[in-house]
Amino acid sequence: MSVERQTRALLDLVEADRARQCAQILGEARVRATALRRQAQAEALARLRQAFESQRHLSRQRLAAAQAQLATQRRLQAQQRTAALLQLAWQQLPAALQARWQQADARAAWVREVLASARDRLPRGPWQIAHAPDWPAAEQQALAPVLATANGAAPVFEADPRIKAGIRIAINGNRIDGTLDGLLADRAAVDARLLHHLESTP
């Protein structure tokens, strides 16, 4: 065999081996490229899902914060409205109570309530009953024998110009204050009753 043919055969062999190795390397590169592409797609998808979840979580947090702020503002507005209503009620209450004292039926109910409280808390005896100057004498005279029988002693009635409405009953240093000022003395208790009335009014 000639040198030229041997060289050609050797070159063909080298070329065939090179082609085989190139094909093998190319095949392996394709497999790796496919795997890398799939891995990159999976990682990108995971990052995308994580980004979406972060955005959803952030949106939920913002919504919760906005709802909490709205609830706080509503509570504050309700408190301000209640405070304004209470303030208005306190401005109108003394005149409203004094007007009730001017009505015979309402005045009689007022006196009955104070007397019932006094019967529960005060000892029997000659009660000293201080009253608004405009309390009709006829009503006092009608009440005197009833109290004298119940307490074993006649009551002593005394008009007090400082009392705008109502009565105050005292004996032995104890007293039940059913005057206008006495009824309004406990601001917290009156506020609580006013709030109850406001909440129960449609």
N, C-alpha and C. Protein backbone atom coordinates (compact mmCIF):
# COMPACT_ATOMS: atom_id res chain seq x y z
N MET A 1 0.86 -1.18 0.00
CA MET A 1 0.00 0.00 0.00
C MET A 1 0.89 1.22 0.00
N SER A 2 0.47 2.19 -0.79
CA SER A 2 1.32 3.37 -0.93
C SER A 2 1.17 4.27 0.29
N VAL A 3 2.16 5.09 0.44
CA VAL A 3 2.16 6.02 1.57
C VAL A 3 0.95 6.95 1.47
N GLU A 4 0.62 7.31 0.29
CA GLU A 4 -0.50 8.22 0.11
C GLU A 4 -1.80 7.57 0.54
N ARG A 5 -1.95 6.29 0.18
CA ARG A 5 -3.18 5.58 0.55
C ARG A 5 -3.21 5.35 2.05
N GLN A 6 -2.03 5.04 2.62
CA GLN A 6 -1.97 4.83 4.06
C GLN A 6 -2.32 6.14 4.79
N THR A 7 -1.80 7.23 4.27
CA THR A 7 -2.08 8.54 4.89
C THR A 7 -3.57 8.86 4.79
N ARG A 8 -4.12 8.55 3.61
CA ARG A 8 -5.55 8.80 3.41
C ARG A 8 -6.36 7.96 4.37
N ALA A 9 -6.03 6.68 4.50
CA ALA A 9 -6.76 5.77 5.38
C ALA A 9 -6.65 6.26 6.82
N LEU A 10 -5.42 6.69 7.19
CA LEU A 10 -5.20 7.18 8.55
C LEU A 10 -6.00 8.45 8.77
N LEU A 11 -6.02 9.33 7.79
CA LEU A 11 -6.79 10.57 7.90
C LEU A 11 -8.29 10.27 7.99
N ASP A 12 -8.73 9.25 7.19
CA ASP A 12 -10.15 8.87 7.26
C ASP A 12 -10.49 8.33 8.64
N LEU A 13 -9.58 7.56 9.19
CA LEU A 13 -9.78 6.98 10.53
C LEU A 13 -9.84 8.10 11.57
N VAL A 14 -8.91 9.05 11.45
CA VAL A 14 -8.89 10.18 12.39
C VAL A 14 -10.17 11.01 12.23
N GLU A 15 -10.57 11.19 10.98
CA GLU A 15 -11.78 11.99 10.73
C GLU A 15 -13.01 11.30 11.27
N ALA A 16 -13.07 9.98 11.10
CA ALA A 16 -14.20 9.22 11.60
C ALA A 16 -14.25 9.29 13.12
N ASP A 17 -13.05 9.16 13.75
CA ASP A 17 -13.00 9.22 15.22
C ASP A 17 -13.39 10.63 15.70
N ARG A 18 -12.92 11.65 14.97
CA ARG A 18 -13.27 13.02 15.32
C ARG A 18 -14.77 13.25 15.21
N ALA A 19 -15.35 12.73 14.11
CA ALA A 19 -16.79 12.88 13.90
C ALA A 19 -17.58 12.17 14.99
N ARG A 20 -17.08 10.95 15.36
CA ARG A 20 -17.75 10.19 16.43
C ARG A 20 -17.67 10.96 17.75
N GLN A 21 -16.47 11.46 18.07
CA GLN A 21 -16.29 12.19 19.32
C GLN A 21 -17.11 13.49 19.32
N CYS A 22 -17.11 14.17 18.17
CA CYS A 22 -17.91 15.41 18.06
C CYS A 22 -19.40 15.11 18.26
N ALA A 23 -19.85 14.00 17.64
CA ALA A 23 -21.26 13.62 17.78
C ALA A 23 -21.58 13.31 19.24
N GLN A 24 -20.63 12.59 19.87
CA GLN A 24 -20.83 12.21 21.28
C GLN A 24 -20.85 13.48 22.15
N ILE A 25 -19.87 14.37 21.94
CA ILE A 25 -19.80 15.60 22.73
C ILE A 25 -21.05 16.46 22.49
N LEU A 26 -21.43 16.53 21.20
CA LEU A 26 -22.60 17.32 20.85
C LEU A 26 -23.86 16.73 21.49
N GLY A 27 -23.95 15.39 21.49
CA GLY A 27 -25.11 14.74 22.12
C GLY A 27 -25.16 15.00 23.61
N GLU A 28 -23.97 14.87 24.23
CA GLU A 28 -23.92 15.13 25.67
C GLU A 28 -24.24 16.60 25.96
N ALA A 29 -23.74 17.50 25.11
CA ALA A 29 -24.01 18.93 25.29
C ALA A 29 -25.51 19.21 25.14
N ARG A 30 -26.14 18.53 24.18
CA ARG A 30 -27.59 18.72 24.00
C ARG A 30 -28.36 18.24 25.23
N VAL A 31 -27.93 17.07 25.74
CA VAL A 31 -28.60 16.53 26.94
C VAL A 31 -28.44 17.50 28.11
N ARG A 32 -27.18 17.99 28.30
CA ARG A 32 -26.93 18.94 29.39
C ARG A 32 -27.71 20.25 29.16
N ALA A 33 -27.72 20.70 27.92
CA ALA A 33 -28.45 21.94 27.61
C ALA A 33 -29.94 21.78 27.90
N THR A 34 -30.49 20.61 27.53
CA THR A 34 -31.91 20.35 27.81
C THR A 34 -32.16 20.33 29.31
N ALA A 35 -31.26 19.66 30.05
CA ALA A 35 -31.41 19.59 31.51
C ALA A 35 -31.28 20.98 32.12
N LEU A 36 -30.28 21.74 31.65
CA LEU A 36 -30.10 23.10 32.17
C LEU A 36 -31.30 23.99 31.86
N ARG A 37 -31.82 23.81 30.62
CA ARG A 37 -32.99 24.59 30.24
C ARG A 37 -34.19 24.25 31.14
N ARG A 38 -34.38 22.95 31.38
CA ARG A 38 -35.50 22.53 32.25
C ARG A 38 -35.29 23.03 33.67
N GLN A 39 -34.04 22.95 34.15
CA GLN A 39 -33.75 23.43 35.50
C GLN A 39 -33.97 24.94 35.59
N ALA A 40 -33.51 25.67 34.57
CA ALA A 40 -33.69 27.12 34.54
C ALA A 40 -35.17 27.48 34.49
N GLN A 41 -35.93 26.71 33.69
CA GLN A 41 -37.38 26.98 33.61
C GLN A 41 -38.05 26.70 34.96
N ALA A 42 -37.64 25.59 35.61
CA ALA A 42 -38.22 25.25 36.92
C ALA A 42 -37.88 26.32 37.95
N GLU A 43 -36.60 26.77 37.94
CA GLU A 43 -36.19 27.81 38.89
C GLU A 43 -36.91 29.12 38.60
N ALA A 44 -37.04 29.46 37.32
CA ALA A 44 -37.75 30.69 36.96
C ALA A 44 -39.21 30.62 37.39
N LEU A 45 -39.82 29.43 37.18
CA LEU A 45 -41.21 29.24 37.59
C LEU A 45 -41.34 29.34 39.11
N ALA A 46 -40.37 28.74 39.83
CA ALA A 46 -40.39 28.81 41.29
C ALA A 46 -40.24 30.26 41.77
N ARG A 47 -39.31 31.00 41.12
CA ARG A 47 -39.14 32.41 41.48
C ARG A 47 -40.40 33.23 41.18
N LEU A 48 -41.02 32.91 40.05
CA LEU A 48 -42.25 33.60 39.68
C LEU A 48 -43.36 33.32 40.70
N ARG A 49 -43.48 32.04 41.09
CA ARG A 49 -44.49 31.68 42.10
C ARG A 49 -44.19 32.38 43.42
N GLN A 50 -42.89 32.41 43.80
CA GLN A 50 -42.51 33.07 45.04
C GLN A 50 -42.81 34.56 44.97
N ALA A 51 -42.54 35.17 43.81
CA ALA A 51 -42.83 36.60 43.65
C ALA A 51 -44.34 36.86 43.75
N PHE A 52 -45.13 35.98 43.09
CA PHE A 52 -46.59 36.12 43.18
C PHE A 52 -47.05 35.96 44.61
N GLU A 53 -46.52 34.96 45.32
CA GLU A 53 -46.92 34.71 46.70
C GLU A 53 -46.52 35.90 47.59
N SER A 54 -45.32 36.46 47.34
CA SER A 54 -44.89 37.63 48.10
C SER A 54 -45.83 38.80 47.85
N GLN A 55 -46.22 38.98 46.59
CA GLN A 55 -47.14 40.07 46.26
C GLN A 55 -48.51 39.85 46.91
N ARG A 56 -48.98 38.58 46.86
CA ARG A 56 -50.26 38.28 47.50
C ARG A 56 -50.18 38.54 49.01
N HIS A 57 -49.07 38.10 49.63
CA HIS A 57 -48.88 38.31 51.06
C HIS A 57 -48.83 39.81 51.38
N LEU A 58 -48.09 40.56 50.57
CA LEU A 58 -48.00 42.00 50.76
C LEU A 58 -49.36 42.66 50.58
N SER A 59 -50.11 42.19 49.58
CA SER A 59 -51.45 42.74 49.34
C SER A 59 -52.37 42.44 50.52
N ARG A 60 -52.27 41.20 51.05
CA ARG A 60 -53.10 40.85 52.21
C ARG A 60 -52.73 41.72 53.42
N GLN A 61 -51.43 41.95 53.62
CA GLN A 61 -50.99 42.79 54.73
C GLN A 61 -51.51 44.22 54.57
N ARG A 62 -51.40 44.74 53.34
CA ARG A 62 -51.88 46.11 53.10
C ARG A 62 -53.39 46.20 53.31
N LEU A 63 -54.11 45.18 52.83
CA LEU A 63 -55.56 45.16 53.01
C LEU A 63 -55.92 45.09 54.49
N ALA A 64 -55.22 44.22 55.24
CA ALA A 64 -55.48 44.10 56.68
C ALA A 64 -55.18 45.41 57.39
N ALA A 65 -54.07 46.06 57.01
CA ALA A 65 -53.71 47.35 57.62
C ALA A 65 -54.77 48.41 57.30
N ALA A 66 -55.23 48.41 56.05
CA ALA A 66 -56.26 49.39 55.65
C ALA A 66 -57.56 49.13 56.41
N GLN A 67 -57.93 47.85 56.56
CA GLN A 67 -59.14 47.51 57.29
C GLN A 67 -59.03 47.90 58.76
N ALA A 68 -57.85 47.66 59.35
CA ALA A 68 -57.63 48.04 60.74
C ALA A 68 -57.70 49.55 60.91
N GLN A 69 -57.11 50.28 59.96
CA GLN A 69 -57.15 51.74 60.03
C GLN A 69 -58.58 52.25 59.87
N LEU A 70 -59.34 51.62 58.97
CA LEU A 70 -60.74 52.01 58.78
C LEU A 70 -61.54 51.74 60.05
N ALA A 71 -61.31 50.56 60.65
CA ALA A 71 -62.03 50.23 61.89
C ALA A 71 -61.68 51.22 63.00
N THR A 72 -60.40 51.59 63.07
CA THR A 72 -59.97 52.57 64.08
C THR A 72 -60.64 53.92 63.84
N GLN A 73 -60.69 54.35 62.57
CA GLN A 73 -61.34 55.62 62.25
C GLN A 73 -62.83 55.58 62.58
N ARG A 74 -63.45 54.43 62.30
CA ARG A 74 -64.88 54.31 62.61
C ARG A 74 -65.12 54.36 64.12
N ARG A 75 -64.24 53.65 64.88
CA ARG A 75 -64.37 53.69 66.33
C ARG A 75 -64.17 55.11 66.85
N LEU A 76 -63.17 55.80 66.31
CA LEU A 76 -62.89 57.17 66.73
C LEU A 76 -64.07 58.09 66.40
N GLN A 77 -64.64 57.92 65.20
CA GLN A 77 -65.81 58.73 64.83
C GLN A 77 -67.00 58.43 65.74
N ALA A 78 -67.18 57.13 66.06
CA ALA A 78 -68.28 56.75 66.96
C ALA A 78 -68.07 57.34 68.35
N GLN A 79 -66.81 57.31 68.83
CA GLN A 79 -66.51 57.89 70.14
C GLN A 79 -66.73 59.40 70.14
N GLN A 80 -66.31 60.05 69.05
CA GLN A 80 -66.50 61.50 68.95
C GLN A 80 -67.98 61.84 68.87
N ARG A 81 -68.73 61.03 68.12
CA ARG A 81 -70.17 61.26 68.01
C ARG A 81 -70.84 61.06 69.37
N THR A 82 -70.44 59.98 70.08
CA THR A 82 -71.01 59.72 71.40
C THR A 82 -70.67 60.85 72.37
N ALA A 83 -69.41 61.30 72.33
CA ALA A 83 -69.00 62.40 73.21
C ALA A 83 -69.80 63.66 72.91
N ALA A 84 -70.04 63.92 71.62
CA ALA A 84 -70.81 65.11 71.24
C ALA A 84 -72.26 64.98 71.71
N LEU A 85 -72.83 63.77 71.56
CA LEU A 85 -74.20 63.55 72.03
C LEU A 85 -74.31 63.69 73.54
N LEU A 86 -73.31 63.15 74.26
CA LEU A 86 -73.32 63.29 75.72
C LEU A 86 -73.20 64.75 76.13
N GLN A 87 -72.33 65.47 75.45
CA GLN A 87 -72.17 66.89 75.75
C GLN A 87 -73.48 67.64 75.53
N LEU A 88 -74.14 67.33 74.42
CA LEU A 88 -75.43 67.96 74.12
C LEU A 88 -76.47 67.57 75.18
N ALA A 89 -76.46 66.29 75.56
CA ALA A 89 -77.40 65.83 76.58
C ALA A 89 -77.17 66.55 77.91
N TRP A 90 -75.89 66.71 78.28
CA TRP A 90 -75.57 67.41 79.53
C TRP A 90 -76.02 68.88 79.47
N GLN A 91 -75.98 69.47 78.30
CA GLN A 91 -76.42 70.85 78.17
C GLN A 91 -77.94 70.95 78.34
N GLN A 92 -78.65 69.93 77.88
CA GLN A 92 -80.12 69.98 77.89
C GLN A 92 -80.73 69.34 79.13
N LEU A 93 -79.97 68.46 79.80
CA LEU A 93 -80.54 67.67 80.89
C LEU A 93 -81.06 68.51 82.06
N PRO A 94 -80.30 69.48 82.59
CA PRO A 94 -80.83 70.24 83.72
C PRO A 94 -82.17 70.92 83.42
N ALA A 95 -82.27 71.55 82.25
CA ALA A 95 -83.52 72.22 81.90
C ALA A 95 -84.64 71.20 81.71
N ALA A 96 -84.31 70.04 81.13
CA ALA A 96 -85.34 69.01 80.92
C ALA A 96 -85.85 68.48 82.26
N LEU A 97 -84.93 68.25 83.21
CA LEU A 97 -85.35 67.77 84.53
C LEU A 97 -86.16 68.84 85.27
N GLN A 98 -85.73 70.09 85.15
CA GLN A 98 -86.47 71.16 85.81
C GLN A 98 -87.87 71.28 85.21
N ALA A 99 -87.97 71.07 83.90
CA ALA A 99 -89.29 71.11 83.26
C ALA A 99 -90.17 69.96 83.76
N ARG A 100 -89.55 68.79 83.99
CA ARG A 100 -90.33 67.67 84.52
C ARG A 100 -90.83 67.98 85.94
N TRP A 101 -90.00 68.67 86.70
CA TRP A 101 -90.42 69.03 88.06
C TRP A 101 -91.64 69.95 88.03
N GLN A 102 -91.78 70.71 86.97
CA GLN A 102 -92.91 71.62 86.86
C GLN A 102 -94.21 70.89 86.53
N GLN A 103 -94.12 69.65 86.05
CA GLN A 103 -95.32 68.88 85.69
C GLN A 103 -95.77 68.07 86.91
N ALA A 104 -97.02 68.20 87.26
CA ALA A 104 -97.52 67.57 88.50
C ALA A 104 -97.29 66.06 88.52
N ASP A 105 -97.63 65.37 87.45
CA ASP A 105 -97.49 63.91 87.43
C ASP A 105 -96.02 63.50 87.53
N ALA A 106 -95.17 64.19 86.76
CA ALA A 106 -93.74 63.87 86.78
C ALA A 106 -93.15 64.19 88.15
N ARG A 107 -93.56 65.31 88.74
CA ARG A 107 -93.07 65.70 90.06
C ARG A 107 -93.48 64.66 91.11
N ALA A 108 -94.72 64.19 91.02
CA ALA A 108 -95.19 63.18 91.98
C ALA A 108 -94.37 61.90 91.85
N ALA A 109 -94.07 61.49 90.63
CA ALA A 109 -93.26 60.29 90.42
C ALA A 109 -91.84 60.51 90.97
N TRP A 110 -91.31 61.70 90.77
CA TRP A 110 -89.98 62.05 91.26
C TRP A 110 -89.94 61.92 92.79
N VAL A 111 -90.93 62.54 93.45
CA VAL A 111 -90.99 62.50 94.92
C VAL A 111 -91.15 61.06 95.41
N ARG A 112 -91.99 60.28 94.72
CA ARG A 112 -92.18 58.87 95.12
C ARG A 112 -90.86 58.10 95.07
N GLU A 113 -90.07 58.31 94.01
CA GLU A 113 -88.78 57.62 93.86
C GLU A 113 -87.82 57.98 94.99
N VAL A 114 -87.76 59.28 95.32
CA VAL A 114 -86.86 59.72 96.40
C VAL A 114 -87.33 59.15 97.73
N LEU A 115 -88.64 59.16 97.98
CA LEU A 115 -89.17 58.61 99.23
C LEU A 115 -88.91 57.10 99.34
N ALA A 116 -89.06 56.39 98.23
CA ALA A 116 -88.80 54.94 98.25
C ALA A 116 -87.33 54.68 98.58
N SER A 117 -86.43 55.46 98.02
CA SER A 117 -85.01 55.31 98.31
C SER A 117 -84.73 55.64 99.78
N ALA A 118 -85.40 56.69 100.30
CA ALA A 118 -85.21 57.07 101.71
C ALA A 118 -85.74 55.99 102.64
N ARG A 119 -86.87 55.39 102.31
CA ARG A 119 -87.42 54.32 103.17
C ARG A 119 -86.47 53.14 103.26
N ASP A 120 -85.76 52.86 102.16
CA ASP A 120 -84.81 51.74 102.15
C ASP A 120 -83.52 52.04 102.90
N ARG A 121 -83.15 53.32 103.01
CA ARG A 121 -81.81 53.65 103.50
C ARG A 121 -81.77 54.48 104.79
N LEU A 122 -82.81 55.21 105.09
CA LEU A 122 -82.78 56.10 106.24
C LEU A 122 -83.57 55.51 107.42
N PRO A 123 -83.13 55.86 108.63
CA PRO A 123 -83.90 55.40 109.80
C PRO A 123 -85.22 56.17 109.91
N ARG A 124 -86.13 55.56 110.66
CA ARG A 124 -87.41 56.23 110.90
C ARG A 124 -87.20 57.40 111.84
N GLY A 125 -88.10 58.32 111.81
CA GLY A 125 -88.01 59.49 112.67
C GLY A 125 -88.45 60.73 111.93
N PRO A 126 -88.20 61.88 112.52
CA PRO A 126 -88.64 63.15 111.90
C PRO A 126 -87.71 63.54 110.75
N TRP A 127 -88.07 63.16 109.58
CA TRP A 127 -87.25 63.48 108.41
C TRP A 127 -87.27 64.98 108.15
N GLN A 128 -86.08 65.52 107.81
CA GLN A 128 -85.98 66.92 107.39
C GLN A 128 -86.01 66.90 105.85
N ILE A 129 -87.02 67.49 105.28
CA ILE A 129 -87.19 67.46 103.83
C ILE A 129 -86.98 68.87 103.27
N ALA A 130 -85.79 69.09 102.68
CA ALA A 130 -85.51 70.35 102.00
C ALA A 130 -86.03 70.21 100.57
N HIS A 131 -86.63 71.26 100.06
CA HIS A 131 -87.27 71.15 98.74
C HIS A 131 -87.15 72.46 97.97
N ALA A 132 -87.41 72.33 96.66
CA ALA A 132 -87.44 73.51 95.81
C ALA A 132 -88.57 74.42 96.28
N PRO A 133 -88.36 75.73 96.26
CA PRO A 133 -89.39 76.66 96.76
C PRO A 133 -90.71 76.56 96.03
N ASP A 134 -90.70 76.05 94.80
CA ASP A 134 -91.96 76.02 94.04
C ASP A 134 -92.75 74.72 94.26
N TRP A 135 -92.34 73.88 95.21
CA TRP A 135 -93.11 72.66 95.46
C TRP A 135 -94.41 73.05 96.15
N PRO A 136 -95.54 72.74 95.53
CA PRO A 136 -96.83 73.20 96.08
C PRO A 136 -97.06 72.70 97.51
N ALA A 137 -97.53 73.63 98.35
CA ALA A 137 -97.81 73.30 99.76
C ALA A 137 -98.85 72.20 99.87
N ALA A 138 -99.80 72.16 98.94
CA ALA A 138 -100.86 71.14 99.00
C ALA A 138 -100.26 69.75 98.88
N GLU A 139 -99.25 69.59 98.04
CA GLU A 139 -98.61 68.27 97.89
C GLU A 139 -97.84 67.90 99.15
N GLN A 140 -97.22 68.90 99.78
CA GLN A 140 -96.51 68.63 101.04
C GLN A 140 -97.51 68.21 102.12
N GLN A 141 -98.62 68.92 102.20
CA GLN A 141 -99.63 68.64 103.23
C GLN A 141 -100.24 67.25 103.03
N ALA A 142 -100.39 66.84 101.78
CA ALA A 142 -100.95 65.51 101.50
C ALA A 142 -99.96 64.42 101.91
N LEU A 143 -98.68 64.73 101.81
CA LEU A 143 -97.63 63.75 102.10
C LEU A 143 -97.34 63.65 103.60
N ALA A 144 -97.50 64.74 104.33
CA ALA A 144 -97.11 64.80 105.74
C ALA A 144 -97.74 63.70 106.60
N PRO A 145 -99.05 63.46 106.55
CA PRO A 145 -99.61 62.42 107.41
C PRO A 145 -99.15 61.00 107.04
N VAL A 146 -98.93 60.77 105.76
CA VAL A 146 -98.45 59.45 105.32
C VAL A 146 -97.07 59.18 105.92
N LEU A 147 -96.17 60.18 105.85
CA LEU A 147 -94.83 60.02 106.40
C LEU A 147 -94.85 59.95 107.92
N ALA A 148 -95.72 60.72 108.54
CA ALA A 148 -95.83 60.69 110.01
C ALA A 148 -96.23 59.30 110.47
N THR A 149 -97.17 58.67 109.76
CA THR A 149 -97.61 57.32 110.13
C THR A 149 -96.49 56.31 109.88
N ALA A 150 -95.82 56.42 108.74
CA ALA A 150 -94.78 55.45 108.39
C ALA A 150 -93.55 55.57 109.28
N ASN A 151 -93.19 56.82 109.68
CA ASN A 151 -91.95 57.05 110.42
C ASN A 151 -92.15 57.27 111.90
N GLY A 152 -93.39 57.38 112.33
CA GLY A 152 -93.66 57.61 113.75
C GLY A 152 -93.38 59.04 114.17
N ALA A 153 -93.15 59.93 113.23
CA ALA A 153 -92.90 61.34 113.54
C ALA A 153 -93.21 62.16 112.30
N ALA A 154 -93.71 63.38 112.52
CA ALA A 154 -94.06 64.24 111.39
C ALA A 154 -92.79 64.76 110.72
N PRO A 155 -92.79 64.83 109.40
CA PRO A 155 -91.63 65.38 108.70
C PRO A 155 -91.60 66.91 108.85
N VAL A 156 -90.40 67.46 108.64
CA VAL A 156 -90.25 68.91 108.67
C VAL A 156 -89.88 69.35 107.25
N PHE A 157 -90.74 70.16 106.65
CA PHE A 157 -90.50 70.65 105.30
C PHE A 157 -89.82 72.01 105.36
N GLU A 158 -88.82 72.20 104.49
CA GLU A 158 -88.13 73.49 104.46
C GLU A 158 -87.74 73.83 103.02
N ALA A 159 -88.26 74.96 102.55
CA ALA A 159 -87.90 75.42 101.21
C ALA A 159 -86.46 75.91 101.20
N ASP A 160 -85.71 75.51 100.18
CA ASP A 160 -84.31 75.91 100.06
C ASP A 160 -84.14 76.58 98.69
N PRO A 161 -83.84 77.88 98.66
CA PRO A 161 -83.74 78.59 97.38
C PRO A 161 -82.62 78.07 96.48
N ARG A 162 -81.67 77.32 97.05
CA ARG A 162 -80.58 76.76 96.23
C ARG A 162 -81.04 75.54 95.44
N ILE A 163 -82.16 74.95 95.83
CA ILE A 163 -82.70 73.77 95.14
C ILE A 163 -83.59 74.23 94.01
N LYS A 164 -83.23 73.88 92.79
CA LYS A 164 -84.01 74.29 91.61
C LYS A 164 -85.16 73.33 91.34
N ALA A 165 -84.96 72.07 91.72
CA ALA A 165 -86.00 71.05 91.52
C ALA A 165 -85.67 69.87 92.44
N GLY A 166 -86.72 69.17 92.89
CA GLY A 166 -86.50 67.97 93.68
C GLY A 166 -86.51 68.21 95.18
N ILE A 167 -86.22 67.11 95.92
CA ILE A 167 -86.19 67.17 97.38
C ILE A 167 -84.95 66.45 97.90
N ARG A 168 -84.56 66.85 99.12
CA ARG A 168 -83.44 66.19 99.80
C ARG A 168 -83.94 65.82 101.20
N ILE A 169 -83.80 64.54 101.57
CA ILE A 169 -84.30 64.06 102.86
C ILE A 169 -83.11 63.74 103.75
N ALA A 170 -83.13 64.24 105.00
CA ALA A 170 -82.02 64.00 105.92
C ALA A 170 -82.54 63.66 107.30
N ILE A 171 -81.75 62.85 108.01
CA ILE A 171 -82.01 62.56 109.42
C ILE A 171 -80.73 62.02 110.04
N ASN A 172 -80.38 62.56 111.19
CA ASN A 172 -79.20 62.11 111.94
C ASN A 172 -77.92 62.10 111.08
N GLY A 173 -77.75 63.09 110.25
CA GLY A 173 -76.55 63.18 109.43
C GLY A 173 -76.57 62.34 108.16
N ASN A 174 -77.57 61.51 107.98
CA ASN A 174 -77.73 60.72 106.75
C ASN A 174 -78.70 61.45 105.83
N ARG A 175 -78.48 61.28 104.53
CA ARG A 175 -79.40 61.96 103.62
C ARG A 175 -79.52 61.24 102.29
N ILE A 176 -80.63 61.46 101.66
CA ILE A 176 -80.90 61.02 100.29
C ILE A 176 -81.14 62.28 99.49
N ASP A 177 -80.26 62.50 98.49
CA ASP A 177 -80.34 63.73 97.71
C ASP A 177 -81.04 63.47 96.38
N GLY A 178 -82.30 63.85 96.32
CA GLY A 178 -83.07 63.72 95.09
C GLY A 178 -83.31 65.07 94.44
N THR A 179 -82.40 66.01 94.70
CA THR A 179 -82.51 67.32 94.04
C THR A 179 -81.90 67.23 92.65
N LEU A 180 -82.13 68.28 91.90
CA LEU A 180 -81.56 68.34 90.55
C LEU A 180 -80.05 68.20 90.60
N ASP A 181 -79.41 68.97 91.50
CA ASP A 181 -77.95 68.88 91.61
C ASP A 181 -77.51 67.51 92.11
N GLY A 182 -78.26 66.95 93.03
CA GLY A 182 -77.92 65.63 93.55
C GLY A 182 -78.02 64.55 92.49
N LEU A 183 -79.03 64.64 91.65
CA LEU A 183 -79.21 63.64 90.60
C LEU A 183 -78.09 63.71 89.56
N LEU A 184 -77.55 64.91 89.36
CA LEU A 184 -76.51 65.09 88.34
C LEU A 184 -75.09 65.04 88.91
N ALA A 185 -74.97 64.78 90.21
CA ALA A 185 -73.66 64.84 90.85
C ALA A 185 -72.70 63.75 90.37
N ASP A 186 -73.23 62.55 90.13
CA ASP A 186 -72.36 61.44 89.70
C ASP A 186 -72.33 61.39 88.18
N ARG A 187 -71.37 62.12 87.61
CA ARG A 187 -71.29 62.27 86.15
C ARG A 187 -71.15 60.92 85.45
N ALA A 188 -70.31 60.04 86.02
CA ALA A 188 -70.09 58.74 85.38
C ALA A 188 -71.37 57.92 85.33
N ALA A 189 -72.11 57.93 86.41
CA ALA A 189 -73.37 57.16 86.45
C ALA A 189 -74.39 57.74 85.48
N VAL A 190 -74.46 59.06 85.43
CA VAL A 190 -75.41 59.70 84.50
C VAL A 190 -74.99 59.43 83.06
N ASP A 191 -73.67 59.51 82.79
CA ASP A 191 -73.18 59.20 81.44
C ASP A 191 -73.57 57.78 81.04
N ALA A 192 -73.40 56.84 81.96
CA ALA A 192 -73.73 55.44 81.66
C ALA A 192 -75.21 55.30 81.32
N ARG A 193 -76.06 55.96 82.07
CA ARG A 193 -77.50 55.88 81.80
C ARG A 193 -77.86 56.57 80.50
N LEU A 194 -77.20 57.69 80.24
CA LEU A 194 -77.45 58.38 78.96
C LEU A 194 -77.00 57.52 77.79
N LEU A 195 -75.83 56.88 77.92
CA LEU A 195 -75.32 56.00 76.85
C LEU A 195 -76.29 54.85 76.62
N HIS A 196 -76.78 54.26 77.70
CA HIS A 196 -77.74 53.16 77.57
C HIS A 196 -78.98 53.64 76.82
N HIS A 197 -79.43 54.82 77.17
CA HIS A 197 -80.62 55.38 76.51
C HIS A 197 -80.33 55.65 75.02
N LEU A 198 -79.15 56.22 74.73
CA LEU A 198 -78.79 56.52 73.34
C LEU A 198 -78.67 55.24 72.53
N GLU A 199 -78.08 54.19 73.11
CA GLU A 199 -77.88 52.93 72.37
C GLU A 199 -79.19 52.20 72.16
N SER A 200 -80.14 52.37 73.06
CA SER A 200 -81.40 51.65 72.92
C SER A 200 -82.41 52.43 72.07
N THR A 201 -82.07 53.68 71.73
CA THR A 201 -82.96 54.48 70.89
C THR A 201 -82.65 54.22 69.42
N PRO A 202 -83.64 53.76 68.64
CA PRO A 202 -83.36 53.46 67.21
C PRO A 202 -83.06 54.71 66.41
